[in-house]
């Protein structure tokens, strides 16, 4: 086993060095222009999907012990425990809180609440809800289980320095019993809103009811659905704005455009597997028979480290030959309807939006984010767009975090939101 790990590390190191040589400016967020090896493909997938650290052992903290623990209002805390490693003298808690599942029944969702140091100001601390990018579709792939959790919340230090409470949901089915409703907007949005409620329930937090959402990739989709749901689902909360980096918007185009890449096949595989469980959508209508067991195996692997991603690239190899039965998933039901239902529409016009997009993103294409911006503008929203030349998918949140946090701070300060919409 040790020899295999060292071999994998050596492969990754060579792939990283090759990617750096090809890009000329380091590999983060760059498109590899050469014909990739499997190790290079794993690095490319890491850049596309995001990469955390090694997964820690799952504990009984995430288990629900009978229906009695689920009784209570949305966002109330079932249990909490201290979590080490928070920056800047902050205090962190792993939390398990109540939410509502897609079937309307009460569920448990896990996450992390990070409190800044010092006493709360008059009126309470604002809250920023961080919505994470793709990590997997089964329980052990929860962000709160990674050893590098605090490093993976983009802009965390900046938000804590400004005195904001930061809350990060795992989403349903990650940490808690799965499967995770992957790229299912209503599930993500409810989990985000109830995480804000859970943050307010931490007695020593001193939280106000004012919050913003900041998300990347899948988390960008979650942020947008949070805006669509907020007024109806959590009317007691005051959402001041939404910031999203490389958000998943038009899902049919997203999945179809990316099918030629290892990362794209992984994303589509996770979506198909998850939706087959969540919606009872038949995989056999969408997948070649030979692809179904491969997709099942991929569903059991996380997107948490480069070693994970190299393993996934090997697991995914048969999909290069046999994968979809159709040229476009949106051509068949129930996939056509599900893709439409989980594509976010325009937000309420009074809700300001910050969008960040790298121009070298091979997963969420710049045109898709610009098209969504145009829809927001047409609906009357005030939208700030940050286009980042040469930036790829993974780097989008990191490179835009400072601008996003500054934009969020202005919303908390009551400053009129800027807009890049014309007319």
Protein backbone atom coordinates (compact mmCIF):
# COMPACT_ATOMS: atom_id res chain seq x y z
CA UNK A 1 0.00 0.00 0.00
CA UNK A 2 2.79 2.43 0.90
CA UNK A 3 4.53 1.76 -2.43
CA UNK A 4 1.27 2.40 -4.28
CA UNK A 5 0.73 5.72 -2.49
CA UNK A 6 4.27 6.81 -3.27
CA UNK A 7 3.75 5.79 -6.90
CA UNK A 8 0.54 7.80 -7.07
CA UNK A 9 2.26 10.82 -5.53
CA UNK A 10 5.07 10.55 -8.04
CA UNK A 11 2.58 10.38 -10.92
CA UNK A 12 0.74 13.44 -9.63
CA UNK A 13 3.99 15.33 -9.13
CA UNK A 14 5.04 14.64 -12.70
CA UNK A 15 1.63 15.64 -14.02
CA UNK A 16 1.68 18.88 -12.03
CA UNK A 17 5.15 19.74 -13.28
CA UNK A 18 4.11 18.98 -16.84
CA UNK A 19 0.98 21.12 -16.47
CA UNK A 20 3.09 23.96 -15.10
CA UNK A 21 5.50 23.68 -18.01
CA UNK A 22 2.67 23.75 -20.53
CA UNK A 23 0.81 26.65 -18.96
CA UNK A 24 3.92 28.72 -18.28
CA UNK A 25 2.26 30.34 -15.24
CA UNK A 26 1.58 27.51 -12.85
CA UNK A 27 -1.20 24.94 -13.07
CA UNK A 28 -3.92 26.48 -10.88
CA UNK A 29 -6.97 27.19 -12.97
CA UNK A 30 -5.15 26.65 -16.29
CA UNK A 31 -6.27 24.54 -19.24
CA UNK A 32 -3.76 21.82 -20.08
CA UNK A 33 -3.05 22.05 -23.80
CA UNK A 34 -1.24 18.76 -24.27
CA UNK A 35 -2.65 15.27 -24.68
CA UNK A 36 -2.98 14.33 -20.98
CA UNK A 37 -1.90 11.17 -19.24
CA UNK A 38 -4.30 9.68 -16.72
CA UNK A 39 -2.38 11.45 -13.94
CA UNK A 40 -2.59 14.73 -15.82
CA UNK A 41 -6.29 14.11 -16.33
CA UNK A 42 -6.66 13.72 -12.57
CA UNK A 43 -4.92 17.04 -12.04
CA UNK A 44 -7.22 18.58 -14.64
CA UNK A 45 -10.22 17.16 -12.82
CA UNK A 46 -8.87 18.57 -9.55
CA UNK A 47 -8.66 21.98 -11.14
CA UNK A 48 -12.17 21.66 -12.52
CA UNK A 49 -14.03 20.22 -9.54
CA UNK A 50 -12.05 21.64 -6.62
CA UNK A 51 -9.81 19.70 -4.31
CA UNK A 52 -9.86 19.55 -0.53
CA UNK A 53 -7.75 17.44 1.78
CA UNK A 54 -7.89 13.91 3.17
CA UNK A 55 -11.20 12.82 4.65
CA UNK A 56 -11.32 12.30 8.39
CA UNK A 57 -13.09 9.37 10.02
CA UNK A 58 -16.85 9.79 10.23
CA UNK A 59 -18.21 9.77 13.78
CA UNK A 60 -21.55 9.19 15.49
CA UNK A 61 -22.00 12.98 15.59
CA UNK A 62 -23.65 12.77 12.15
CA UNK A 63 -26.08 9.99 13.08
CA UNK A 64 -29.73 10.66 13.85
CA UNK A 65 -31.00 8.54 16.73
CA UNK A 66 -34.68 8.13 16.01
CA UNK A 67 -37.42 10.50 14.87
CA UNK A 68 -37.42 12.30 18.23
CA UNK A 69 -34.18 14.07 17.30
CA UNK A 70 -35.78 15.41 14.14
CA UNK A 71 -38.73 16.97 15.94
CA UNK A 72 -38.32 20.73 15.92
CA UNK A 73 -38.38 23.72 13.63
CA UNK A 74 -36.21 24.12 10.53
CA UNK A 75 -32.77 25.40 11.44
CA UNK A 76 -32.86 24.37 15.09
CA UNK A 77 -29.70 22.63 16.29
CA UNK A 78 -29.78 18.95 17.18
CA UNK A 79 -26.23 18.98 18.52
CA UNK A 80 -22.98 20.90 18.27
CA UNK A 81 -19.36 20.23 19.16
CA UNK A 82 -16.18 22.35 19.16
CA UNK A 83 -14.02 22.06 16.05
CA UNK A 84 -10.29 22.78 16.12
CA UNK A 85 -8.27 24.66 13.54
CA UNK A 86 -10.29 27.87 13.10
CA UNK A 87 -8.19 30.91 12.09
CA UNK A 88 -7.64 34.33 13.69
CA UNK A 89 -8.65 33.29 17.19
CA UNK A 90 -12.11 32.40 15.89
CA UNK A 91 -14.26 29.69 17.45
CA UNK A 92 -15.75 26.93 15.31
CA UNK A 93 -18.50 24.42 15.92
CA UNK A 94 -19.54 21.42 13.94
CA UNK A 95 -23.34 21.43 13.96
CA UNK A 96 -26.17 19.07 13.12
CA UNK A 97 -29.40 20.91 12.39
CA UNK A 98 -32.92 20.27 11.17
CA UNK A 99 -34.14 21.00 7.66
CA UNK A 100 -36.84 19.92 5.23
CA UNK A 101 -36.16 17.29 2.59
CA UNK A 102 -37.48 17.21 -0.96
CA UNK A 103 -40.35 15.00 0.17
CA UNK A 104 -41.40 17.56 2.80
CA UNK A 105 -40.18 15.42 5.71
CA UNK A 106 -37.80 16.59 8.41
CA UNK A 107 -34.13 15.70 7.83
CA UNK A 108 -30.81 16.38 9.54
CA UNK A 109 -28.05 18.36 7.82
CA UNK A 110 -24.50 18.92 9.05
CA UNK A 111 -22.23 21.92 8.71
CA UNK A 112 -19.80 24.24 10.44
CA UNK A 113 -20.35 27.59 12.17
CA UNK A 114 -17.31 29.87 12.63
CA UNK A 115 -17.54 32.81 15.06
CA UNK A 116 -15.11 35.75 14.92
CA UNK A 117 -13.27 36.83 18.04
CA UNK A 118 -14.54 39.70 20.14
CA UNK A 119 -17.93 40.81 21.36
CA UNK A 120 -20.90 41.18 18.98
CA UNK A 121 -21.71 44.75 17.91
CA UNK A 122 -25.06 46.39 18.70
CA UNK A 123 -27.65 44.80 16.45
CA UNK A 124 -25.69 41.56 16.18
CA UNK A 125 -23.17 40.11 13.76
CA UNK A 126 -23.99 39.68 10.05
CA UNK A 127 -23.76 36.16 8.66
CA UNK A 128 -22.18 34.90 5.45
CA UNK A 129 -23.33 31.47 4.28
CA UNK A 130 -20.62 29.69 2.28
CA UNK A 131 -21.92 27.19 -0.28
CA UNK A 132 -19.23 24.71 -1.27
CA UNK A 133 -18.34 23.25 -4.68
CA UNK A 134 -18.63 19.57 -5.58
CA UNK A 135 -17.16 17.07 -3.10
CA UNK A 136 -19.09 13.88 -3.93
CA UNK A 137 -22.51 12.30 -3.51
CA UNK A 138 -22.21 10.03 -0.45
CA UNK A 139 -22.10 10.74 3.28
CA UNK A 140 -18.33 10.45 3.82
CA UNK A 141 -17.66 13.22 1.25
CA UNK A 142 -18.84 16.00 3.59
CA UNK A 143 -16.61 19.11 3.66
CA UNK A 144 -16.82 19.19 7.45
CA UNK A 145 -14.98 15.84 7.48
CA UNK A 146 -11.94 17.10 5.59
CA UNK A 147 -8.75 17.92 7.43
CA UNK A 148 -8.36 21.13 5.43
CA UNK A 149 -11.88 22.48 5.89
CA UNK A 150 -10.91 26.01 6.94
CA UNK A 151 -8.51 26.40 4.02
CA UNK A 152 -11.30 25.48 1.60
CA UNK A 153 -13.72 28.29 2.55
CA UNK A 154 -12.59 31.00 0.14
CA UNK A 155 -12.33 34.40 1.80
CA UNK A 156 -12.81 33.01 5.31
CA UNK A 157 -10.09 35.12 6.92
CA UNK A 158 -11.39 38.29 5.27
CA UNK A 159 -14.93 37.61 6.49
CA UNK A 160 -13.83 36.87 10.05
CA UNK A 161 -11.65 39.99 10.14
CA UNK A 162 -14.74 42.04 9.28
CA UNK A 163 -16.62 40.47 12.18
CA UNK A 164 -18.94 38.21 10.20
CA UNK A 165 -20.18 34.84 11.33
CA UNK A 166 -19.46 32.28 8.60
CA UNK A 167 -21.63 29.19 8.28
CA UNK A 168 -20.95 26.38 5.82
CA UNK A 169 -23.53 23.69 5.19
CA UNK A 170 -22.48 20.24 4.02
CA UNK A 171 -25.81 19.94 2.09
CA UNK A 172 -28.15 16.98 2.73
CA UNK A 173 -26.65 13.54 2.29
CA UNK A 174 -23.08 14.67 2.91
CA UNK A 175 -22.10 13.87 6.48
CA UNK A 176 -25.63 12.71 7.20
CA UNK A 177 -27.27 9.69 5.59
CA UNK A 178 -27.28 9.92 1.80
CA UNK A 179 -27.55 9.92 -1.05
CA UNK A 180 -26.77 13.60 -1.60
CA UNK A 181 -29.21 15.41 -3.96
CA UNK A 182 -26.40 16.60 -6.25
CA UNK A 183 -27.17 19.79 -8.22
CA UNK A 184 -30.73 19.77 -6.84
CA UNK A 185 -31.41 23.46 -6.29
CA UNK A 186 -34.27 23.35 -3.78
CA UNK A 187 -32.39 20.89 -1.57
CA UNK A 188 -29.28 23.07 -1.55
CA UNK A 189 -31.19 26.31 -1.00
CA UNK A 190 -33.12 24.97 1.98
CA UNK A 191 -29.92 23.62 3.53
CA UNK A 192 -28.23 27.02 3.16
CA UNK A 193 -31.16 28.92 4.67
CA UNK A 194 -31.46 26.52 7.57
CA UNK A 195 -27.71 26.75 8.17
CA UNK A 196 -28.17 30.50 8.70
CA UNK A 197 -30.93 29.73 11.19
CA UNK A 198 -28.59 27.26 12.92
CA UNK A 199 -25.86 29.91 13.13
CA UNK A 200 -28.33 32.24 14.82
CA UNK A 201 -29.12 29.50 17.32
CA UNK A 202 -25.53 29.37 18.63
CA UNK A 203 -26.01 31.22 21.90
CA UNK A 204 -22.59 32.86 22.09
CA UNK A 205 -22.64 33.94 18.44
CA UNK A 206 -24.67 37.12 18.80
CA UNK A 207 -25.99 36.82 15.24
CA UNK A 208 -28.37 39.24 13.56
CA UNK A 209 -30.94 38.20 10.96
CA UNK A 210 -28.96 39.81 8.11
CA UNK A 211 -27.01 37.50 5.84
CA UNK A 212 -25.37 37.11 2.45
CA UNK A 213 -24.55 33.98 0.45
CA UNK A 214 -21.20 33.25 -1.21
CA UNK A 215 -20.78 30.11 -3.31
CA UNK A 216 -18.61 28.48 -5.95
CA UNK A 217 -19.60 26.14 -8.80
CA UNK A 218 -22.25 23.79 -7.35
CA UNK A 219 -22.25 26.25 -4.46
CA UNK A 220 -22.97 29.05 -6.92
CA UNK A 221 -26.11 27.18 -7.95
CA UNK A 222 -26.94 26.72 -4.26
CA UNK A 223 -26.49 30.46 -3.67
CA UNK A 224 -28.83 31.36 -6.52
CA UNK A 225 -31.51 28.93 -5.35
CA UNK A 226 -31.13 30.39 -1.85
CA UNK A 227 -32.13 33.74 -3.36
CA UNK A 228 -35.11 32.17 -5.11
CA UNK A 229 -36.35 30.48 -1.93
CA UNK A 230 -35.44 32.96 0.81
CA UNK A 231 -38.55 35.13 0.98
CA UNK A 232 -40.94 32.18 1.03
CA UNK A 233 -38.93 29.63 3.00
CA UNK A 234 -37.26 31.89 5.59
CA UNK A 235 -39.13 35.21 5.69
CA UNK A 236 -37.62 36.15 9.07
CA UNK A 237 -34.15 36.38 7.52
CA UNK A 238 -32.89 39.46 5.65
CA UNK A 239 -30.87 38.44 2.59
CA UNK A 240 -28.76 41.43 1.48
CA UNK A 241 -27.06 39.91 -1.56
CA UNK A 242 -25.73 36.88 -3.39
CA UNK A 243 -22.17 36.32 -4.60
CA UNK A 244 -21.37 33.39 -6.89
CA UNK A 245 -18.16 32.31 -8.62
CA UNK A 246 -18.53 30.18 -11.78
CA UNK A 247 -22.07 29.14 -10.80
CA UNK A 248 -23.80 26.12 -12.31
CA UNK A 249 -26.70 27.78 -14.13
CA UNK A 250 -27.93 26.21 -17.38
CA UNK A 251 -27.55 22.55 -16.40
CA UNK A 252 -28.39 21.03 -19.79
CA UNK A 253 -25.66 23.05 -21.48
CA UNK A 254 -23.26 22.51 -18.56
CA UNK A 255 -23.45 18.73 -18.69
CA UNK A 256 -23.59 18.47 -22.47
CA UNK A 257 -20.68 20.87 -23.10
CA UNK A 258 -18.37 19.03 -20.70
CA UNK A 259 -18.89 15.44 -21.85
CA UNK A 260 -15.59 15.38 -23.73
CA UNK A 261 -13.56 15.85 -20.52
CA UNK A 262 -12.78 13.58 -17.58
CA UNK A 263 -14.25 16.17 -15.21
CA UNK A 264 -17.37 16.47 -17.34
CA UNK A 265 -17.98 12.73 -17.33
CA UNK A 266 -17.51 12.69 -13.57
CA UNK A 267 -20.00 15.54 -13.05
CA UNK A 268 -22.57 13.93 -15.34
CA UNK A 269 -22.07 10.55 -13.66
CA UNK A 270 -22.66 12.05 -10.21
CA UNK A 271 -25.77 13.86 -11.39
CA UNK A 272 -27.24 10.79 -13.08
CA UNK A 273 -26.52 8.52 -10.13
CA UNK A 274 -27.86 10.98 -7.58
CA UNK A 275 -31.01 11.76 -9.55
CA UNK A 276 -31.69 8.06 -10.12
CA UNK A 277 -31.85 7.70 -6.32
CA UNK A 278 -33.55 10.99 -5.48
CA UNK A 279 -36.10 11.12 -8.30
CA UNK A 280 -36.27 7.39 -9.16
CA UNK A 281 -35.12 8.33 -12.67
CA UNK A 282 -34.09 5.19 -14.63
CA UNK A 283 -30.40 5.09 -15.43
CA UNK A 284 -30.97 2.60 -18.24
CA UNK A 285 -32.71 5.26 -20.32
CA UNK A 286 -29.66 7.50 -20.24
CA UNK A 287 -26.64 5.18 -19.90
CA UNK A 288 -25.17 2.35 -21.91
CA UNK A 289 -25.52 -0.91 -19.99
CA UNK A 290 -21.74 -1.20 -19.65
CA UNK A 291 -21.54 2.28 -18.11
CA UNK A 292 -23.98 1.67 -15.23
CA UNK A 293 -21.59 -0.30 -12.96
CA UNK A 294 -18.84 2.26 -13.65
CA UNK A 295 -21.16 5.10 -12.61
CA UNK A 296 -22.07 3.14 -9.47
CA UNK A 297 -18.38 2.82 -8.58
CA UNK A 298 -17.73 6.51 -9.21
CA UNK A 299 -20.59 7.39 -6.87
CA UNK A 300 -18.70 5.71 -4.02
CA UNK A 301 -15.62 7.91 -4.47
CA UNK A 302 -15.17 11.48 -3.17
CA UNK A 303 -13.66 14.56 -4.80
CA UNK A 304 -11.46 15.40 -1.82
CA UNK A 305 -7.79 15.04 -2.74
CA UNK A 306 -5.52 14.55 -5.73
CA UNK A 307 -5.16 10.89 -4.78
CA UNK A 308 -8.95 10.53 -4.84
CA UNK A 309 -9.08 12.22 -8.20
CA UNK A 310 -6.41 9.99 -9.71
CA UNK A 311 -8.38 6.98 -8.49
CA UNK A 312 -11.55 8.48 -10.05
CA UNK A 313 -9.78 9.04 -13.35
CA UNK A 314 -8.87 5.34 -13.41
CA UNK A 315 -12.41 4.31 -12.44
CA UNK A 316 -13.80 6.58 -15.15
CA UNK A 317 -11.61 5.10 -17.91
CA UNK A 318 -14.30 2.70 -19.33
CA UNK A 319 -16.63 5.68 -19.87
CA UNK A 320 -14.30 6.84 -22.64
CA UNK A 321 -15.75 3.96 -24.68
CA UNK A 322 -19.30 3.48 -23.34
CA UNK A 323 -21.27 6.20 -21.61
CA UNK A 324 -24.51 7.90 -22.70
CA UNK A 325 -27.13 6.33 -24.94
CA UNK A 326 -28.19 9.76 -26.21
CA UNK A 327 -26.31 12.73 -27.63
CA UNK A 328 -27.99 15.14 -25.20
CA UNK A 329 -29.64 14.30 -21.87
CA UNK A 330 -32.17 17.07 -22.38
CA UNK A 331 -33.62 15.11 -25.32
CA UNK A 332 -35.18 12.46 -23.06
CA UNK A 333 -37.45 12.38 -20.01
CA UNK A 334 -37.32 12.56 -17.09
CA UNK A 335 -33.89 14.11 -17.53
CA UNK A 336 -35.18 17.01 -19.66
CA UNK A 337 -37.63 18.11 -16.95
CA UNK A 338 -35.13 17.56 -14.12
CA UNK A 339 -32.48 19.66 -15.85
CA UNK A 340 -35.00 22.47 -16.30
CA UNK A 341 -36.25 22.27 -12.69
CA UNK A 342 -32.70 22.56 -11.33
CA UNK A 343 -31.65 25.44 -13.57
CA UNK A 344 -32.01 28.68 -11.57
CA UNK A 345 -34.26 31.35 -13.02
CA UNK A 346 -33.92 35.11 -12.52
CA UNK A 347 -33.80 36.28 -8.91
CA UNK A 348 -36.11 38.88 -7.36
CA UNK A 349 -35.16 42.21 -8.91
CA UNK A 350 -34.44 43.86 -5.54
CA UNK A 351 -31.76 41.27 -4.70
CA UNK A 352 -28.27 42.43 -5.80
CA UNK A 353 -25.90 39.87 -7.31
CA UNK A 354 -22.12 39.56 -7.68
CA UNK A 355 -20.90 37.13 -10.36
CA UNK A 356 -17.27 36.08 -10.92
CA UNK A 357 -16.15 34.09 -13.94
CA UNK A 358 -12.79 33.00 -15.30
CA UNK A 359 -12.36 33.30 -19.04
CA UNK A 360 -10.39 30.01 -19.24
CA UNK A 361 -12.98 27.92 -17.42
CA UNK A 362 -13.51 24.61 -19.28
CA UNK A 363 -16.38 23.47 -17.03
CA UNK A 364 -18.65 26.50 -16.53
CA UNK A 365 -18.18 28.33 -19.80
CA UNK A 366 -17.92 32.14 -19.60
CA UNK A 367 -20.80 32.49 -22.06
CA UNK A 368 -23.12 30.58 -19.69
CA UNK A 369 -22.47 32.97 -16.80
CA UNK A 370 -22.77 35.98 -19.08
CA UNK A 371 -26.08 34.66 -20.41
CA UNK A 372 -27.36 34.27 -16.86
CA UNK A 373 -26.25 37.81 -16.07
CA UNK A 374 -28.23 39.02 -19.09
CA UNK A 375 -31.33 37.27 -17.74
CA UNK A 376 -30.85 38.91 -14.34
CA UNK A 377 -30.40 42.32 -15.94
CA UNK A 378 -33.50 41.86 -18.06
CA UNK A 379 -35.44 41.07 -14.88
CA UNK A 380 -34.29 44.37 -13.34
CA UNK A 381 -31.57 43.14 -10.99
CA UNK A 382 -28.38 45.03 -10.20
CA UNK A 383 -25.48 42.79 -11.15
CA UNK A 384 -21.74 43.24 -10.74
CA UNK A 385 -19.73 40.98 -13.07
CA UNK A 386 -16.04 40.23 -12.49
CA UNK A 387 -14.43 38.61 -15.53
CA UNK A 388 -10.98 37.17 -14.75
CA UNK A 389 -8.72 36.65 -17.80
CA UNK A 390 -6.87 33.34 -17.88
CA UNK A 391 -8.55 31.98 -14.74
CA UNK A 392 -9.99 28.48 -14.75
CA UNK A 393 -12.73 26.81 -12.77
CA UNK A 394 -11.05 25.82 -9.51
CA UNK A 395 -9.30 29.16 -9.10
CA UNK A 396 -12.47 31.22 -9.67
CA UNK A 397 -13.48 31.51 -6.00
CA UNK A 398 -9.93 32.04 -4.75
CA UNK A 399 -9.19 34.77 -7.28
CA UNK A 400 -12.50 36.57 -6.72
CA UNK A 401 -12.81 36.17 -2.93
CA UNK A 402 -11.41 39.57 -2.03
CA UNK A 403 -13.73 41.36 -4.46
CA UNK A 404 -16.70 39.24 -3.37
CA UNK A 405 -16.15 39.94 0.34
CA UNK A 406 -15.74 43.67 -0.35
CA UNK A 407 -18.99 43.62 -2.33
CA UNK A 408 -20.75 41.76 0.50
CA UNK A 409 -19.41 44.26 3.04
CA UNK A 410 -20.94 47.12 1.08
CA UNK A 411 -24.29 45.34 1.11
CA UNK A 412 -24.13 44.95 4.90
CA UNK A 413 -23.20 48.64 5.12
CA UNK A 414 -26.31 49.64 3.19
CA UNK A 415 -24.38 51.12 0.24
CA UNK A 416 -26.36 51.19 -3.00
CA UNK A 417 -25.34 48.19 -5.11
CA UNK A 418 -23.39 48.88 -8.33
CA UNK A 419 -24.48 47.37 -11.62
CA UNK A 420 -22.85 46.38 -14.87
CA UNK A 421 -26.23 45.96 -16.54
CA UNK A 422 -26.76 48.24 -19.52
CA UNK A 423 -29.81 50.41 -19.91
